[in-house]
Amino acid sequence: MKATPPGWPRISAALFYDDAAKAIDWLCNAFGFEVRLKVEGEGGRIEHSELAFGEGLIMVAEAAAKAEKFSYRRSPGQAGGANTQNLMVYVDDVEAHCRRAREAGATITVELATHDYGEDYWSDRSYECRDLGGHHWWFTERLRDPGRKA
């Protein structure tokens, strides 16, 4: 494979919110993302943004209104609460991250739990939450890697 452009991960995700500007502020406050780029259009509408978390990147923009160029863009609220993807993020301290997300108003849908998949696999501690726009996220801290004792 060729190298990616400088500062870009091999893969990233795009999320759509009814109020992308509010979502960007919330994601930074609740989850620790940092704004790398924010492109505002008419009336302050977020046309494109890039939020970084370590080497990871998500793009956040407004969900589509009727008859727009990208009419397929929908927020969970526009899709009856459905999610077509969940996001998983590795964090250094999942306990502290969960407290921060909860305090910012994230709905914890699966409480913190440790999962041990056996000596040949891994052990991690994680939780699932729903953000202010209805997107589901998993945050995980690796406790043991395959073949390595904790």
C-alpha atoms as a PDB file:
ATOM      1  CA  MET A   1       0.000   0.000   0.000  1.00  0.00           C
ATOM      2  CA  LYS A   2       1.051   3.557  -0.626  1.00  0.00           C
ATOM      3  CA  ALA A   3       1.466   5.862   2.342  1.00  0.00           C
ATOM      4  CA  THR A   4      -1.548   7.971   3.242  1.00  0.00           C
ATOM      5  CA  PRO A   5      -1.409  11.763   2.878  1.00  0.00           C
ATOM      6  CA  PRO A   6       0.366  13.350   5.859  1.00  0.00           C
ATOM      7  CA  GLY A   7      -1.927  13.553   8.875  1.00  0.00           C
ATOM      8  CA  TRP A   8      -4.608  11.254   7.447  1.00  0.00           C
ATOM      9  CA  PRO A   9      -5.504   7.827   8.811  1.00  0.00           C
ATOM     10  CA  ARG A  10      -6.054   4.905   6.454  1.00  0.00           C
ATOM     11  CA  ILE A  11      -9.782   4.974   7.229  1.00  0.00           C
ATOM     12  CA  SER A  12     -12.144   7.478   8.836  1.00  0.00           C
ATOM     13  CA  ALA A  13     -15.890   7.811   9.370  1.00  0.00           C
ATOM     14  CA  ALA A  14     -18.388  10.577   8.659  1.00  0.00           C
ATOM     15  CA  LEU A  15     -21.294  11.308  10.986  1.00  0.00           C
ATOM     16  CA  PHE A  16     -24.292  13.499  10.286  1.00  0.00           C
ATOM     17  CA  TYR A  17     -26.150  15.541  12.893  1.00  0.00           C
ATOM     18  CA  ASP A  18     -29.212  17.770  12.800  1.00  0.00           C
ATOM     19  CA  ASP A  19     -27.086  20.503  14.439  1.00  0.00           C
ATOM     20  CA  ALA A  20     -23.476  19.724  13.524  1.00  0.00           C
ATOM     21  CA  ALA A  21     -22.010  22.821  15.218  1.00  0.00           C
ATOM     22  CA  LYS A  22     -23.578  21.828  18.542  1.00  0.00           C
ATOM     23  CA  ALA A  23     -22.478  18.223  18.020  1.00  0.00           C
ATOM     24  CA  ILE A  24     -18.865  19.252  17.374  1.00  0.00           C
ATOM     25  CA  ASP A  25     -18.723  21.234  20.616  1.00  0.00           C
ATOM     26  CA  TRP A  26     -20.355  18.354  22.490  1.00  0.00           C
ATOM     27  CA  LEU A  27     -18.052  15.671  21.024  1.00  0.00           C
ATOM     28  CA  CYS A  28     -15.007  17.706  22.036  1.00  0.00           C
ATOM     29  CA  ASN A  29     -16.329  18.282  25.555  1.00  0.00           C
ATOM     30  CA  ALA A  30     -17.746  14.801  26.199  1.00  0.00           C
ATOM     31  CA  PHE A  31     -15.318  12.532  24.366  1.00  0.00           C
ATOM     32  CA  GLY A  32     -12.108  14.562  24.027  1.00  0.00           C
ATOM     33  CA  PHE A  33     -12.044  15.142  20.261  1.00  0.00           C
ATOM     34  CA  GLU A  34     -10.094  18.120  18.907  1.00  0.00           C
ATOM     35  CA  VAL A  35     -11.259  20.231  15.972  1.00  0.00           C
ATOM     36  CA  ARG A  36      -8.774  20.015  13.126  1.00  0.00           C
ATOM     37  CA  LEU A  37     -10.912  21.724  10.476  1.00  0.00           C
ATOM     38  CA  LYS A  38     -14.378  23.267  10.377  1.00  0.00           C
ATOM     39  CA  VAL A  39     -15.925  24.534   7.132  1.00  0.00           C
ATOM     40  CA  GLU A  40     -19.000  26.669   7.636  1.00  0.00           C
ATOM     41  CA  GLY A  41     -21.475  27.426   4.896  1.00  0.00           C
ATOM     42  CA  GLU A  42     -24.482  29.668   4.634  1.00  0.00           C
ATOM     43  CA  GLY A  43     -26.047  30.538   7.978  1.00  0.00           C
ATOM     44  CA  GLY A  44     -23.260  28.787   9.933  1.00  0.00           C
ATOM     45  CA  ARG A  45     -24.208  25.383   8.533  1.00  0.00           C
ATOM     46  CA  ILE A  46     -21.331  22.905   8.963  1.00  0.00           C
ATOM     47  CA  GLU A  47     -20.484  21.649   5.488  1.00  0.00           C
ATOM     48  CA  HIS A  48     -17.458  19.629   6.607  1.00  0.00           C
ATOM     49  CA  SER A  49     -15.345  19.177   9.691  1.00  0.00           C
ATOM     50  CA  GLU A  50     -12.502  16.997  10.856  1.00  0.00           C
ATOM     51  CA  LEU A  51     -12.212  15.969  14.490  1.00  0.00           C
ATOM     52  CA  ALA A  52      -9.095  14.188  15.688  1.00  0.00           C
ATOM     53  CA  PHE A  53      -8.678  11.703  18.529  1.00  0.00           C
ATOM     54  CA  GLY A  54      -5.050  10.590  18.626  1.00  0.00           C
ATOM     55  CA  GLU A  55      -4.321   9.303  15.145  1.00  0.00           C
ATOM     56  CA  GLY A  56      -8.037   8.717  14.492  1.00  0.00           C
ATOM     57  CA  LEU A  57     -10.302  11.071  12.583  1.00  0.00           C
ATOM     58  CA  ILE A  58     -14.033  11.529  12.174  1.00  0.00           C
ATOM     59  CA  MET A  59     -15.777  13.962   9.890  1.00  0.00           C
ATOM     60  CA  VAL A  60     -18.942  15.691  11.098  1.00  0.00           C
ATOM     61  CA  ALA A  61     -21.453  17.592   8.960  1.00  0.00           C
ATOM     62  CA  GLU A  62     -25.101  18.571   8.829  1.00  0.00           C
ATOM     63  CA  ALA A  63     -27.648  15.912   7.990  1.00  0.00           C
ATOM     64  CA  ALA A  64     -29.386  16.549   4.674  1.00  0.00           C
ATOM     65  CA  ALA A  65     -32.580  18.458   4.236  1.00  0.00           C
ATOM     66  CA  LYS A  66     -34.861  17.734   1.283  1.00  0.00           C
ATOM     67  CA  ALA A  67     -33.476  17.997  -2.289  1.00  0.00           C
ATOM     68  CA  GLU A  68     -29.852  18.588  -1.322  1.00  0.00           C
ATOM     69  CA  LYS A  69     -26.760  17.461  -3.172  1.00  0.00           C
ATOM     70  CA  PHE A  70     -26.112  14.654  -0.656  1.00  0.00           C
ATOM     71  CA  SER A  71     -29.700  13.758   0.118  1.00  0.00           C
ATOM     72  CA  TYR A  72     -28.696  10.369   1.583  1.00  0.00           C
ATOM     73  CA  ARG A  73     -27.075  11.980   4.629  1.00  0.00           C
ATOM     74  CA  ARG A  74     -29.271  11.270   7.631  1.00  0.00           C
ATOM     75  CA  SER A  75     -28.942  11.663  11.351  1.00  0.00           C
ATOM     76  CA  PRO A  76     -30.268   8.890  13.593  1.00  0.00           C
ATOM     77  CA  GLY A  77     -33.185  11.196  14.417  1.00  0.00           C
ATOM     78  CA  GLN A  78     -34.103  11.394  10.728  1.00  0.00           C
ATOM     79  CA  ALA A  79     -33.847   7.600  10.475  1.00  0.00           C
ATOM     80  CA  GLY A  80     -36.159   6.766  13.370  1.00  0.00           C
ATOM     81  CA  GLY A  81     -33.218   6.407  15.778  1.00  0.00           C
ATOM     82  CA  ALA A  82     -31.489   3.753  13.645  1.00  0.00           C
ATOM     83  CA  ASN A  83     -27.702   3.552  13.421  1.00  0.00           C
ATOM     84  CA  THR A  84     -25.999   1.882  10.482  1.00  0.00           C
ATOM     85  CA  GLN A  85     -22.654   1.873  12.221  1.00  0.00           C
ATOM     86  CA  ASN A  86     -21.214   1.943  15.725  1.00  0.00           C
ATOM     87  CA  LEU A  87     -17.901   3.579  16.417  1.00  0.00           C
ATOM     88  CA  MET A  88     -15.226   2.064  18.645  1.00  0.00           C
ATOM     89  CA  VAL A  89     -12.479   4.178  20.154  1.00  0.00           C
ATOM     90  CA  TYR A  90      -9.530   3.005  22.250  1.00  0.00           C
ATOM     91  CA  VAL A  91      -8.829   5.255  25.227  1.00  0.00           C
ATOM     92  CA  ASP A  92      -6.090   5.272  27.847  1.00  0.00           C
ATOM     93  CA  ASP A  93      -8.383   5.390  30.899  1.00  0.00           C
ATOM     94  CA  VAL A  94     -11.891   4.072  30.203  1.00  0.00           C
ATOM     95  CA  GLU A  95     -13.116   4.745  33.767  1.00  0.00           C
ATOM     96  CA  ALA A  96     -12.254   8.466  33.524  1.00  0.00           C
ATOM     97  CA  HIS A  97     -13.593   8.632  29.970  1.00  0.00           C
ATOM     98  CA  CYS A  98     -16.934   7.142  31.028  1.00  0.00           C
ATOM     99  CA  ARG A  99     -17.247   9.650  33.887  1.00  0.00           C
ATOM    100  CA  ARG A 100     -16.505  12.536  31.502  1.00  0.00           C
ATOM    101  CA  ALA A 101     -19.042  11.317  28.916  1.00  0.00           C
ATOM    102  CA  ARG A 102     -21.723  10.746  31.575  1.00  0.00           C
ATOM    103  CA  GLU A 103     -21.168  14.211  33.076  1.00  0.00           C
ATOM    104  CA  ALA A 104     -21.518  15.764  29.599  1.00  0.00           C
ATOM    105  CA  GLY A 105     -24.890  14.065  29.137  1.00  0.00           C
ATOM    106  CA  ALA A 106     -24.041  10.925  27.158  1.00  0.00           C
ATOM    107  CA  THR A 107     -26.589   8.163  27.684  1.00  0.00           C
ATOM    108  CA  ILE A 108     -24.693   5.108  28.887  1.00  0.00           C
ATOM    109  CA  THR A 109     -26.414   2.184  27.158  1.00  0.00           C
ATOM    110  CA  VAL A 110     -23.995  -0.524  28.360  1.00  0.00           C
ATOM    111  CA  GLU A 111     -22.229   0.099  31.670  1.00  0.00           C
ATOM    112  CA  LEU A 112     -18.504  -0.441  32.114  1.00  0.00           C
ATOM    113  CA  ALA A 113     -17.583  -4.108  32.012  1.00  0.00           C
ATOM    114  CA  THR A 114     -14.465  -6.210  31.609  1.00  0.00           C
ATOM    115  CA  HIS A 115     -14.392  -8.787  28.826  1.00  0.00           C
ATOM    116  CA  ASP A 116     -11.763 -11.531  28.812  1.00  0.00           C
ATOM    117  CA  TYR A 117     -11.608 -13.534  25.595  1.00  0.00           C
ATOM    118  CA  GLY A 118      -8.966 -15.987  26.853  1.00  0.00           C
ATOM    119  CA  GLU A 119      -5.184 -16.285  26.838  1.00  0.00           C
ATOM    120  CA  ASP A 120      -4.974 -16.525  23.050  1.00  0.00           C
ATOM    121  CA  TYR A 121      -6.954 -13.333  22.555  1.00  0.00           C
ATOM    122  CA  TRP A 122      -7.331 -10.218  24.680  1.00  0.00           C
ATOM    123  CA  SER A 123      -9.001  -8.649  27.643  1.00  0.00           C
ATOM    124  CA  ASP A 124     -10.555  -5.204  27.629  1.00  0.00           C
ATOM    125  CA  ARG A 125     -12.817  -2.925  29.635  1.00  0.00           C
ATOM    126  CA  SER A 126     -15.445  -0.948  27.770  1.00  0.00           C
ATOM    127  CA  TYR A 127     -18.768   0.839  27.776  1.00  0.00           C
ATOM    128  CA  GLU A 128     -21.294   1.879  25.148  1.00  0.00           C
ATOM    129  CA  CYS A 129     -23.075   5.210  25.001  1.00  0.00           C
ATOM    130  CA  ARG A 130     -25.370   7.249  22.794  1.00  0.00           C
ATOM    131  CA  ASP A 131     -24.389  10.821  21.964  1.00  0.00           C
ATOM    132  CA  LEU A 132     -26.633  13.889  21.730  1.00  0.00           C
ATOM    133  CA  GLY A 133     -27.469  13.066  18.104  1.00  0.00           C
ATOM    134  CA  GLY A 134     -28.304   9.397  18.691  1.00  0.00           C
ATOM    135  CA  HIS A 135     -25.052   7.862  17.402  1.00  0.00           C
ATOM    136  CA  HIS A 136     -23.751   4.851  19.362  1.00  0.00           C
ATOM    137  CA  TRP A 137     -20.126   4.685  20.506  1.00  0.00           C
ATOM    138  CA  TRP A 138     -17.994   2.046  22.230  1.00  0.00           C
ATOM    139  CA  PHE A 139     -15.006   3.222  24.274  1.00  0.00           C
ATOM    140  CA  THR A 140     -12.490   0.561  25.229  1.00  0.00           C
ATOM    141  CA  GLU A 141      -9.264   0.198  27.182  1.00  0.00           C
ATOM    142  CA  ARG A 142      -7.131  -2.844  26.342  1.00  0.00           C
ATOM    143  CA  LEU A 143      -6.108  -4.650  29.499  1.00  0.00           C
ATOM    144  CA  ARG A 144      -4.186  -7.573  27.982  1.00  0.00           C
ATOM    145  CA  ASP A 145      -2.964  -8.277  24.468  1.00  0.00           C
ATOM    146  CA  PRO A 146      -2.834 -11.787  22.983  1.00  0.00           C
ATOM    147  CA  GLY A 147      -0.213 -13.956  24.616  1.00  0.00           C
ATOM    148  CA  ARG A 148       0.858 -11.225  27.078  1.00  0.00           C
ATOM    149  CA  LYS A 149       0.098 -11.537  30.771  1.00  0.00           C
ATOM    150  CA  ALA A 150      -1.576  -8.516  32.424  1.00  0.00           C
END
